[in-house]
Amino acid sequence: MPPHFKTGKNVFKPQMVALGPFHHKDAALRPMEEHKLRAVQHLLQRAGKTPGDLASAVEGVATDLEDAYAELGSEWRGMNRDRFLQMMIADGSASCWSSCGIT
């Protein structure tokens, strides 16, 4: 994140949903996790794809996704990459579902 955007400790603290790894452990945002998983299922069904199809597609850009987070910790890398990719799939599906008004 560019330094000029970092104006305070809680400037980018999400209030309803964690998107990405930095606030993923915040207990106050946990209730939205089940809605994210519902979004994944909804979008897979709508697209006629399987979870394996989606996982393969995301695996193809996994390094790019990791590199997009300059301060990504080891809890998301290496042997934990699957966990990171699952989070990215859930977050991306939820973003798409809510932004696009998919029903």
Protein backbone atom coordinates (compact mmCIF):
# COMPACT_ATOMS: atom_id res chain seq x y z
CA MET A 1 0.00 0.00 0.00
CA PRO A 2 1.42 3.41 -0.87
CA PRO A 3 2.62 5.35 2.20
CA HIS A 4 0.27 8.27 1.50
CA PHE A 5 -2.70 5.95 2.09
CA LYS A 6 -1.45 4.92 5.53
CA THR A 7 -2.82 7.79 7.54
CA GLY A 8 -3.85 5.99 10.70
CA LYS A 9 -3.94 2.63 12.42
CA ASN A 10 -7.62 1.89 11.73
CA VAL A 11 -8.07 3.67 8.41
CA PHE A 12 -8.58 0.41 6.54
CA LYS A 13 -10.11 -1.66 9.33
CA PRO A 14 -13.14 -3.45 7.87
CA GLN A 15 -16.39 -3.32 9.79
CA MET A 16 -18.41 -6.15 8.20
CA VAL A 17 -16.28 -8.50 6.15
CA ALA A 18 -12.61 -9.38 5.80
CA LEU A 19 -11.37 -9.47 2.21
CA GLY A 20 -7.84 -10.72 1.93
CA PRO A 21 -5.47 -12.04 4.57
CA PHE A 22 -4.77 -9.01 6.74
CA HIS A 23 -8.03 -8.99 8.73
CA HIS A 24 -8.96 -12.62 8.19
CA LYS A 25 -8.43 -13.57 11.85
CA ASP A 26 -10.65 -10.79 13.21
CA ALA A 27 -13.35 -12.56 15.24
CA ALA A 28 -15.82 -9.71 14.72
CA LEU A 29 -15.77 -10.42 10.98
CA ARG A 30 -16.19 -14.21 11.28
CA PRO A 31 -19.98 -14.28 10.80
CA MET A 32 -19.56 -13.33 7.14
CA GLU A 33 -17.43 -16.40 6.40
CA GLU A 34 -20.46 -18.65 5.94
CA HIS A 35 -21.93 -16.14 3.48
CA LYS A 36 -18.69 -16.19 1.49
CA LEU A 37 -18.88 -19.97 1.22
CA ARG A 38 -22.48 -19.69 0.12
CA ALA A 39 -21.35 -17.25 -2.58
CA VAL A 40 -18.77 -19.78 -3.83
CA GLN A 41 -21.43 -22.49 -4.11
CA HIS A 42 -23.87 -20.12 -5.80
CA LEU A 43 -21.36 -18.96 -8.40
CA LEU A 44 -20.14 -22.50 -9.13
CA GLN A 45 -23.70 -23.65 -9.65
CA ARG A 46 -24.51 -20.67 -11.84
CA ALA A 47 -21.38 -21.19 -13.96
CA GLY A 48 -21.81 -24.95 -14.17
CA LYS A 49 -18.32 -25.50 -12.78
CA THR A 50 -16.93 -27.77 -10.10
CA PRO A 51 -14.81 -26.74 -7.12
CA GLY A 52 -11.90 -28.49 -8.86
CA ASP A 53 -12.36 -26.32 -11.96
CA LEU A 54 -12.19 -23.21 -9.85
CA ALA A 55 -9.22 -24.43 -7.81
CA SER A 56 -7.27 -25.22 -10.99
CA ALA A 57 -7.95 -21.77 -12.42
CA VAL A 58 -6.88 -20.00 -9.25
CA GLU A 59 -3.78 -22.18 -8.85
CA GLY A 60 -2.66 -20.85 -12.20
CA VAL A 61 -2.42 -17.31 -10.79
CA ALA A 62 -1.44 -18.22 -7.23
CA THR A 63 2.00 -16.62 -7.37
CA ASP A 64 0.53 -13.40 -8.75
CA LEU A 65 -2.02 -13.37 -5.92
CA GLU A 66 0.68 -13.91 -3.29
CA ASP A 67 2.85 -11.21 -4.82
CA ALA A 68 -0.05 -8.75 -4.67
CA TYR A 69 0.29 -8.78 -0.87
CA ALA A 70 3.67 -7.25 -0.06
CA GLU A 71 3.42 -8.15 3.63
CA LEU A 72 1.88 -11.60 3.23
CA GLY A 73 3.01 -13.74 6.16
CA SER A 74 4.27 -17.29 6.15
CA GLU A 75 0.92 -18.52 7.51
CA TRP A 76 -0.40 -18.04 3.96
CA ARG A 77 2.61 -19.22 1.92
CA GLY A 78 4.35 -22.50 1.17
CA MET A 79 2.54 -25.43 2.73
CA ASN A 80 -0.31 -23.06 3.65
CA ARG A 81 -0.88 -21.92 0.07
CA ASP A 82 -4.09 -23.99 -0.21
CA ARG A 83 -5.52 -22.08 2.74
CA PHE A 84 -4.60 -18.80 1.05
CA LEU A 85 -6.19 -19.85 -2.23
CA GLN A 86 -9.37 -21.02 -0.51
CA MET A 87 -9.61 -17.63 1.17
CA MET A 88 -9.05 -15.84 -2.12
CA ILE A 89 -11.74 -17.91 -3.84
CA ALA A 90 -14.24 -17.24 -1.04
CA ASP A 91 -13.42 -13.54 -0.91
CA GLY A 92 -13.53 -13.14 -4.69
CA SER A 93 -16.84 -14.99 -4.93
CA ALA A 94 -18.37 -12.87 -2.18
CA SER A 95 -17.12 -9.68 -3.83
CA CYS A 96 -18.54 -10.72 -7.17
CA TRP A 97 -21.82 -11.84 -5.66
CA SER A 98 -22.37 -8.60 -3.75
CA SER A 99 -20.93 -6.18 -6.32
CA CYS A 100 -22.73 -7.64 -9.29
CA GLY A 101 -26.04 -8.16 -7.54
CA ILE A 102 -26.08 -11.82 -8.52
CA THR A 103 -29.16 -13.65 -7.31
